[in-house]
Amino acid sequence: MDEAKNPNSASLTERKSSWPFTFLVIVLVPVVAATMLYQLDSFDPAPLPPDVLTRQFITVPTRNDHMLRESEFVGVGNLIGPEDVTYDAKSGVIYTGCADGWISRVTVNDSVSDSVVEKLLNTGGRPLGIALGLNNELLVADPEKGLLNVTADGVVELLTYEADGQKFKTINAVDVAYNGMIYFTDASYKYSLSKTTWDLLEGKPHGRLMSYDPATKTTKVLVRDLYFANGVVVSPDQNYVIFCETPVRRCRKYHIKGKQKGRVEKFIDNLPGMPDNIRYDGEGQYWIALAKGYTLQWDLAYRYPFIRKVLIIMKKYIGQLYLDKNAGVLAVDLAGEPLAHYYDPGLALVSSGIKIGNHLYCGSVSYPYIIRLNLKQYPVQANT
């Protein structure tokens, strides 16, 4: 029987002859396109130092691993991405900077429903780190503007926007010593705030720790070559400054007094997540915000630069990478010994935390509110 008399046989022959073309279209074309994208993309991630590529985590004696379910939300809808939170004990208010440019004042009350959000002023940028000055002013790290001084009357003054001829691209966190010296970080001199992921995945140290002297109006670079320099806090004894490096999961201290002045040494490393801001609560504890937990996916990405390049290409052409979970806050003592870990699988991008009374208040770059957890009502449990 010939094909003219058997249409089924003809159809079968056509399918057999067309499968190579179908294979090319479905399999090879996407592979070739992806390979070309990879080779043509200019993003060039670097290997991280072997000493920071560790799967080890510090042992934390206590934890609350479901803090989100037990938390309340302050200022819902009125605080868009309240990145940093600082507390003025004299007036009983929190100050925070938001993604829409507003610096807001939030009253601290027993009941969340009684908290009032008051918008103070808009920087016209994106205020991140915020600290109380010595004369009722606010010091603000704004990546789009620079280091700002905001007076009690609402007057905004630009203090500095560059150091050693290099402009800040992502000025990040700020604190002030009792003598008036201001310490702050620039996470990256290469990438702007909108390119944060690029800096975190490139694996190159573009960050700096700096000081600004209001008396002489001079800016000085204290430590260079930091991996996304983030949170900063002056120790209560005023002997050193602690600063955080996000992708390498560590906080170090820079001595500002005494025989060790200028020396950098370990404060805490092998954190269970990537640190953001760090705050001192006045009660012998630092609170380190962990923007995301350190997962197997992040571990593989930091070990293998080609994975990081693939992630950046995906972000360019697909959009947001949803790799952030298990964010929270780690409490440590003055010596850097871990005390308690508060986190939740459903939390992402927690950027600051501070204990006020019986509550933990957390800022975030993504949520439209401040997270509040009652530490007395929902205490940590021993790690087993």
Protein backbone atom coordinates (compact mmCIF):
# COMPACT_ATOMS: atom_id res chain seq x y z
CA MET A 1 0.00 0.00 0.00
CA ASP A 2 1.60 3.35 -1.02
CA GLU A 3 1.49 6.64 0.94
CA ALA A 4 -1.07 8.11 -1.39
CA LYS A 5 -3.44 5.37 -0.35
CA ASN A 6 -2.42 5.57 3.35
CA PRO A 7 -2.65 9.14 4.76
CA ASN A 8 -1.63 7.92 8.21
CA SER A 9 1.70 6.74 6.83
CA ALA A 10 2.31 10.11 5.21
CA SER A 11 1.55 11.94 8.43
CA LEU A 12 3.95 9.69 10.31
CA THR A 13 6.69 10.41 7.79
CA GLU A 14 6.14 14.17 8.15
CA ARG A 15 6.36 13.96 11.95
CA LYS A 16 9.58 11.97 11.72
CA SER A 17 11.15 14.51 9.38
CA SER A 18 10.12 17.52 11.48
CA TRP A 19 11.33 16.40 14.91
CA PRO A 20 14.94 17.69 14.45
CA PHE A 21 13.60 21.17 13.73
CA THR A 22 11.28 21.00 16.74
CA PHE A 23 14.18 19.89 18.91
CA LEU A 24 16.26 22.85 17.69
CA VAL A 25 13.51 25.34 18.44
CA ILE A 26 12.52 23.99 21.85
CA VAL A 27 15.92 23.01 23.26
CA LEU A 28 18.91 24.33 21.38
CA VAL A 29 17.72 27.86 20.60
CA PRO A 30 17.07 28.75 24.28
CA VAL A 31 20.39 27.18 25.27
CA VAL A 32 22.30 29.14 22.62
CA ALA A 33 20.47 32.35 23.55
CA ALA A 34 21.21 31.87 27.24
CA THR A 35 24.88 31.14 26.48
CA MET A 36 25.15 34.30 24.40
CA LEU A 37 23.50 36.37 27.12
CA TYR A 38 25.92 34.96 29.67
CA GLN A 39 28.99 35.63 27.54
CA LEU A 40 27.93 39.10 26.43
CA ASP A 41 26.85 40.34 29.85
CA SER A 42 29.49 42.63 31.37
CA PHE A 43 28.80 41.64 34.99
CA ASP A 44 31.98 40.04 36.29
CA PRO A 45 31.62 38.52 39.78
CA ALA A 46 34.76 37.66 41.72
CA PRO A 47 35.57 34.74 44.02
CA LEU A 48 35.21 35.56 47.69
CA PRO A 49 38.14 35.03 50.09
CA PRO A 50 38.30 31.40 51.29
CA ASP A 51 38.13 32.44 54.95
CA VAL A 52 34.59 33.80 54.55
CA LEU A 53 33.28 30.82 52.58
CA THR A 54 32.13 28.78 55.52
CA ARG A 55 28.94 26.88 56.17
CA GLN A 56 29.45 27.27 59.90
CA PHE A 57 27.09 29.34 62.00
CA ILE A 58 27.62 30.66 65.48
CA THR A 59 25.74 28.76 68.18
CA VAL A 60 22.94 30.87 69.62
CA PRO A 61 21.66 29.57 72.99
CA THR A 62 18.05 30.74 72.58
CA ARG A 63 15.64 31.50 69.77
CA ASN A 64 12.15 32.49 68.70
CA ASP A 65 11.71 31.09 65.20
CA HIS A 66 8.15 32.28 64.57
CA MET A 67 8.29 35.94 65.57
CA LEU A 68 6.16 37.08 62.62
CA ARG A 69 3.09 35.17 63.84
CA GLU A 70 3.41 36.85 67.23
CA SER A 71 4.17 40.39 66.07
CA GLU A 72 2.11 43.55 65.81
CA PHE A 73 2.45 46.19 63.12
CA VAL A 74 2.98 49.89 63.85
CA GLY A 75 1.99 52.65 61.42
CA VAL A 76 0.44 50.35 58.81
CA GLY A 77 0.23 52.16 55.47
CA ASN A 78 1.90 55.30 56.81
CA LEU A 79 5.48 54.02 56.82
CA ILE A 80 6.71 52.84 53.43
CA GLY A 81 9.86 50.81 53.96
CA PRO A 82 10.99 52.24 57.34
CA GLU A 83 14.64 51.13 56.93
CA ASP A 84 16.23 52.25 60.20
CA VAL A 85 14.69 52.99 63.60
CA THR A 86 16.23 55.12 66.32
CA TYR A 87 14.67 55.86 69.69
CA ASP A 88 14.58 59.12 71.63
CA ALA A 89 14.02 58.05 75.24
CA LYS A 90 13.44 61.64 76.42
CA SER A 91 10.40 62.19 74.21
CA GLY A 92 9.38 58.54 73.86
CA VAL A 93 9.34 58.52 70.05
CA ILE A 94 10.94 56.55 67.23
CA TYR A 95 12.42 58.28 64.21
CA THR A 96 12.60 56.49 60.88
CA GLY A 97 13.29 57.22 57.22
CA CYS A 98 11.06 55.79 54.48
CA ALA A 99 11.24 54.87 50.81
CA ASP A 100 9.06 57.84 49.81
CA GLY A 101 11.64 60.27 51.24
CA TRP A 102 9.77 61.08 54.44
CA ILE A 103 11.37 61.12 57.87
CA SER A 104 8.66 60.29 60.35
CA ARG A 105 8.23 60.38 64.10
CA VAL A 106 6.30 57.52 65.70
CA THR A 107 5.03 57.56 69.28
CA VAL A 108 5.76 54.53 71.44
CA ASN A 109 2.68 53.36 73.32
CA ASP A 110 1.51 50.26 75.16
CA SER A 111 -1.07 49.71 72.45
CA VAL A 112 -0.17 49.73 68.77
CA SER A 113 -3.51 51.35 67.98
CA ASP A 114 -2.47 54.36 70.09
CA SER A 115 0.77 54.94 68.17
CA VAL A 116 0.76 58.09 66.05
CA VAL A 117 2.83 58.60 62.90
CA GLU A 118 3.85 62.20 62.19
CA LYS A 119 5.62 63.06 58.94
CA LEU A 120 8.35 65.59 59.73
CA LEU A 121 10.03 66.39 56.42
CA ASN A 122 10.92 64.93 53.07
CA THR A 123 14.59 64.80 52.09
CA GLY A 124 13.78 64.44 48.42
CA GLY A 125 15.86 61.27 48.44
CA ARG A 126 15.77 57.93 50.24
CA PRO A 127 16.78 58.24 53.91
CA LEU A 128 18.35 55.05 55.27
CA GLY A 129 20.43 55.23 58.45
CA ILE A 130 19.25 57.68 61.08
CA ALA A 131 20.74 58.73 64.43
CA LEU A 132 20.04 61.23 67.18
CA GLY A 133 22.55 64.05 67.37
CA LEU A 134 23.82 65.76 70.50
CA ASN A 135 21.65 68.88 70.10
CA ASN A 136 18.23 67.42 69.27
CA GLU A 137 19.11 67.13 65.59
CA LEU A 138 18.87 64.06 63.38
CA LEU A 139 21.76 62.70 61.36
CA VAL A 140 20.58 60.99 58.20
CA ALA A 141 22.38 58.82 55.65
CA ASP A 142 20.61 59.42 52.34
CA PRO A 143 22.16 57.66 49.30
CA GLU A 144 20.60 60.16 46.93
CA LYS A 145 21.75 63.23 48.86
CA GLY A 146 24.64 62.40 51.19
CA LEU A 147 25.13 62.75 54.94
CA LEU A 148 22.48 65.15 56.22
CA ASN A 149 21.93 67.12 59.42
CA VAL A 150 18.28 67.86 60.22
CA THR A 151 17.75 70.45 62.95
CA ALA A 152 14.90 70.43 65.45
CA ASP A 153 13.35 73.22 63.35
CA GLY A 154 13.39 71.08 60.24
CA VAL A 155 16.32 72.73 58.48
CA VAL A 156 18.27 70.27 56.33
CA GLU A 157 22.03 70.74 55.88
CA LEU A 158 24.26 68.66 53.64
CA LEU A 159 27.35 67.74 55.66
CA THR A 160 29.30 65.68 53.12
CA TYR A 161 28.79 63.67 49.96
CA GLU A 162 32.30 62.45 49.10
CA ALA A 163 35.62 61.37 50.57
CA ASP A 164 39.05 61.45 48.95
CA GLY A 165 37.43 62.70 45.76
CA GLN A 166 35.12 59.69 45.55
CA LYS A 167 31.39 60.36 45.83
CA PHE A 168 29.18 58.18 47.97
CA LYS A 169 26.93 55.89 45.97
CA THR A 170 25.13 54.08 48.79
CA ILE A 171 25.73 55.92 52.05
CA ASN A 172 24.06 53.57 54.45
CA ALA A 173 24.27 53.86 58.25
CA VAL A 174 25.29 56.51 60.79
CA ASP A 175 26.02 57.01 64.49
CA VAL A 176 27.56 59.76 66.59
CA ALA A 177 30.04 59.65 69.48
CA TYR A 178 29.76 61.68 72.67
CA ASN A 179 32.46 64.06 71.40
CA GLY A 180 30.34 64.88 68.33
CA MET A 181 32.33 62.83 65.81
CA ILE A 182 30.03 61.23 63.27
CA TYR A 183 30.74 57.72 61.97
CA PHE A 184 29.04 56.35 58.88
CA THR A 185 29.32 53.78 56.10
CA ASP A 186 29.14 53.92 52.35
CA ALA A 187 28.12 50.43 51.23
CA SER A 188 29.50 50.96 47.74
CA TYR A 189 31.39 53.63 45.84
CA LYS A 190 30.57 51.77 42.59
CA TYR A 191 26.86 50.94 42.70
CA SER A 192 23.88 53.13 43.61
CA LEU A 193 21.05 52.03 45.89
CA SER A 194 18.99 50.70 42.99
CA LYS A 195 21.89 48.37 42.12
CA THR A 196 22.34 46.93 45.61
CA THR A 197 21.95 43.36 44.35
CA TRP A 198 24.75 43.93 41.85
CA ASP A 199 27.15 44.92 44.61
CA LEU A 200 26.12 42.06 46.89
CA LEU A 201 26.64 39.51 44.12
CA GLU A 202 29.75 40.93 42.52
CA GLY A 203 31.89 39.81 45.44
CA LYS A 204 34.22 42.80 45.39
CA PRO A 205 34.88 45.16 48.33
CA HIS A 206 33.54 48.59 47.41
CA GLY A 207 32.53 49.70 50.92
CA ARG A 208 34.09 52.20 53.34
CA LEU A 209 33.83 53.21 56.99
CA MET A 210 34.23 56.96 57.44
CA SER A 211 34.10 59.77 59.95
CA TYR A 212 32.91 63.34 59.69
CA ASP A 213 34.17 66.00 62.11
CA PRO A 214 31.56 68.79 62.46
CA ALA A 215 34.17 71.09 64.03
CA THR A 216 36.53 71.01 61.04
CA LYS A 217 33.98 69.87 58.44
CA THR A 218 36.37 67.15 57.26
CA THR A 219 35.51 63.68 56.02
CA LYS A 220 38.03 60.89 56.59
CA VAL A 221 38.13 57.32 55.30
CA LEU A 222 38.92 55.02 58.23
CA VAL A 223 38.62 51.56 56.65
CA ARG A 224 38.54 50.69 52.95
CA ASP A 225 37.78 47.57 50.94
CA LEU A 226 34.72 46.44 52.87
CA TYR A 227 32.11 44.03 51.54
CA PHE A 228 28.92 46.11 51.39
CA ALA A 229 29.60 48.14 54.54
CA ASN A 230 26.33 48.41 56.42
CA GLY A 231 25.29 49.06 60.04
CA VAL A 232 27.48 51.12 62.37
CA VAL A 233 27.36 51.84 66.11
CA VAL A 234 29.68 53.50 68.62
CA SER A 235 30.39 51.33 71.68
CA PRO A 236 28.98 52.59 74.99
CA ASP A 237 32.51 53.10 76.36
CA GLN A 238 33.33 55.15 73.24
CA ASN A 239 36.47 53.10 72.55
CA TYR A 240 35.51 51.62 69.20
CA VAL A 241 33.01 51.58 66.37
CA ILE A 242 31.33 48.36 65.23
CA PHE A 243 30.50 48.03 61.55
CA CYS A 244 28.76 45.24 59.61
CA GLU A 245 29.60 43.66 56.26
CA THR A 246 26.51 42.09 54.74
CA PRO A 247 27.55 39.36 52.25
CA VAL A 248 30.40 37.99 54.39
CA ARG A 249 28.16 37.69 57.50
CA ARG A 250 30.36 39.51 59.98
CA CYS A 251 30.71 42.57 62.17
CA ARG A 252 34.10 44.03 63.05
CA LYS A 253 35.27 46.83 65.30
CA TYR A 254 37.48 49.80 64.58
CA HIS A 255 39.28 51.28 67.60
CA ILE A 256 38.95 55.05 67.89
CA LYS A 257 40.86 55.55 71.17
CA GLY A 258 43.91 54.37 73.08
CA LYS A 259 46.93 52.36 72.02
CA GLN A 260 44.87 50.28 69.57
CA LYS A 261 43.49 53.33 67.74
CA GLY A 262 43.08 52.56 64.05
CA ARG A 263 43.12 48.79 64.54
CA VAL A 264 40.42 46.59 63.04
CA GLU A 265 39.51 43.30 64.70
CA LYS A 266 36.72 40.75 64.91
CA PHE A 267 33.55 41.48 66.85
CA ILE A 268 31.38 38.60 65.62
CA ASP A 269 31.38 36.44 62.49
CA ASN A 270 29.66 33.37 61.02
CA LEU A 271 26.32 35.03 61.58
CA PRO A 272 23.17 32.99 60.79
CA GLY A 273 22.15 35.63 58.28
CA MET A 274 23.31 38.72 56.41
CA PRO A 275 23.64 41.70 58.76
CA ASP A 276 22.15 45.11 58.11
CA ASN A 277 21.95 47.72 60.88
CA ILE A 278 23.23 47.29 64.43
CA ARG A 279 21.82 49.09 67.49
CA TYR A 280 22.80 49.36 71.16
CA ASP A 281 19.88 49.29 73.61
CA GLY A 282 21.54 50.92 76.63
CA GLU A 283 21.11 47.69 78.61
CA GLY A 284 24.26 45.82 77.61
CA GLN A 285 23.02 44.34 74.34
CA TYR A 286 23.55 45.03 70.66
CA TRP A 287 20.77 44.13 68.24
CA ILE A 288 21.93 43.08 64.77
CA ALA A 289 19.29 43.03 62.06
CA LEU A 290 19.63 40.06 59.70
CA ALA A 291 18.12 41.00 56.34
CA LYS A 292 17.96 37.39 55.20
CA GLY A 293 18.90 34.00 56.54
CA TYR A 294 21.92 32.25 55.05
CA THR A 295 20.47 29.43 52.97
CA LEU A 296 21.99 26.70 50.81
CA GLN A 297 21.13 28.76 47.73
CA TRP A 298 23.13 31.75 48.99
CA ASP A 299 25.99 29.51 50.05
CA LEU A 300 26.27 28.02 46.57
CA ALA A 301 25.99 31.44 44.94
CA TYR A 302 28.84 32.88 46.98
CA ARG A 303 31.02 29.84 46.37
CA TYR A 304 30.57 29.88 42.60
CA PRO A 305 30.78 33.23 40.76
CA PHE A 306 29.06 31.86 37.64
CA ILE A 307 25.88 31.26 39.69
CA ARG A 308 25.93 34.88 40.79
CA LYS A 309 26.24 36.00 37.18
CA VAL A 310 23.27 33.84 36.23
CA LEU A 311 21.26 35.38 39.09
CA ILE A 312 22.02 38.90 37.86
CA ILE A 313 21.00 38.00 34.31
CA MET A 314 17.77 36.52 35.67
CA LYS A 315 17.12 39.69 37.65
CA LYS A 316 17.67 41.81 34.54
CA TYR A 317 15.34 39.86 32.30
CA ILE A 318 12.89 38.20 34.68
CA GLY A 319 12.70 40.45 37.72
CA GLN A 320 12.96 40.16 41.49
CA LEU A 321 14.83 37.17 42.89
CA TYR A 322 12.81 35.61 45.72
CA LEU A 323 15.65 34.17 47.78
CA ASP A 324 15.03 36.12 50.98
CA LYS A 325 13.59 34.39 54.02
CA ASN A 326 14.36 33.74 57.70
CA ALA A 327 15.10 37.41 58.33
CA GLY A 328 15.16 38.63 61.93
CA VAL A 329 17.34 40.07 64.66
CA LEU A 330 20.25 38.69 66.68
CA ALA A 331 20.93 39.95 70.21
CA VAL A 332 24.57 39.84 71.38
CA ASP A 333 26.36 41.06 74.49
CA LEU A 334 29.09 43.70 74.68
CA ALA A 335 31.76 41.12 73.86
CA GLY A 336 29.93 39.91 70.76
CA GLU A 337 28.67 36.69 72.32
CA PRO A 338 25.26 35.67 70.91
CA LEU A 339 22.32 35.67 73.30
CA ALA A 340 19.08 35.27 71.35
CA HIS A 341 17.92 34.89 67.77
CA TYR A 342 14.49 36.15 66.68
CA TYR A 343 13.44 35.21 63.15
CA ASP A 344 10.71 33.72 60.97
CA PRO A 345 10.66 31.82 57.65
CA GLY A 346 8.11 34.34 56.39
CA LEU A 347 10.21 37.40 57.17
CA ALA A 348 12.39 39.11 54.57
CA LEU A 349 14.63 42.16 54.50
CA VAL A 350 14.51 43.14 58.16
CA SER A 351 16.92 46.07 58.22
CA SER A 352 17.02 47.25 61.84
CA GLY A 353 15.99 46.26 65.34
CA ILE A 354 16.03 47.88 68.76
CA LYS A 355 14.68 46.88 72.16
CA ILE A 356 12.47 49.50 73.78
CA GLY A 357 11.03 48.47 77.13
CA ASN A 358 9.55 44.99 76.71
CA HIS A 359 9.28 45.23 72.95
CA LEU A 360 11.52 44.65 69.96
CA TYR A 361 10.91 47.16 67.15
CA CYS A 362 12.11 46.22 63.65
CA GLY A 363 12.45 48.30 60.51
CA SER A 364 12.41 46.93 56.98
CA VAL A 365 13.06 48.09 53.44
CA SER A 366 10.01 46.24 52.12
CA TYR A 367 7.15 46.33 54.63
CA PRO A 368 4.78 49.33 55.03
CA TYR A 369 5.06 49.32 58.83
CA ILE A 370 7.36 48.78 61.81
CA ILE A 371 7.24 45.27 63.26
CA ARG A 372 6.80 45.04 67.04
CA LEU A 373 7.28 41.91 69.16
CA ASN A 374 6.46 41.67 72.86
CA LEU A 375 9.60 40.02 74.29
CA LYS A 376 8.01 39.29 77.63
CA GLN A 377 4.85 37.74 76.23
CA TYR A 378 6.71 35.77 73.54
CA PRO A 379 10.12 34.91 75.02
CA VAL A 380 12.87 32.94 73.35
CA GLN A 381 13.25 29.24 74.03
CA ALA A 382 16.43 27.25 74.60
CA ASN A 383 18.00 25.89 71.43
CA THR A 384 18.03 22.10 71.40
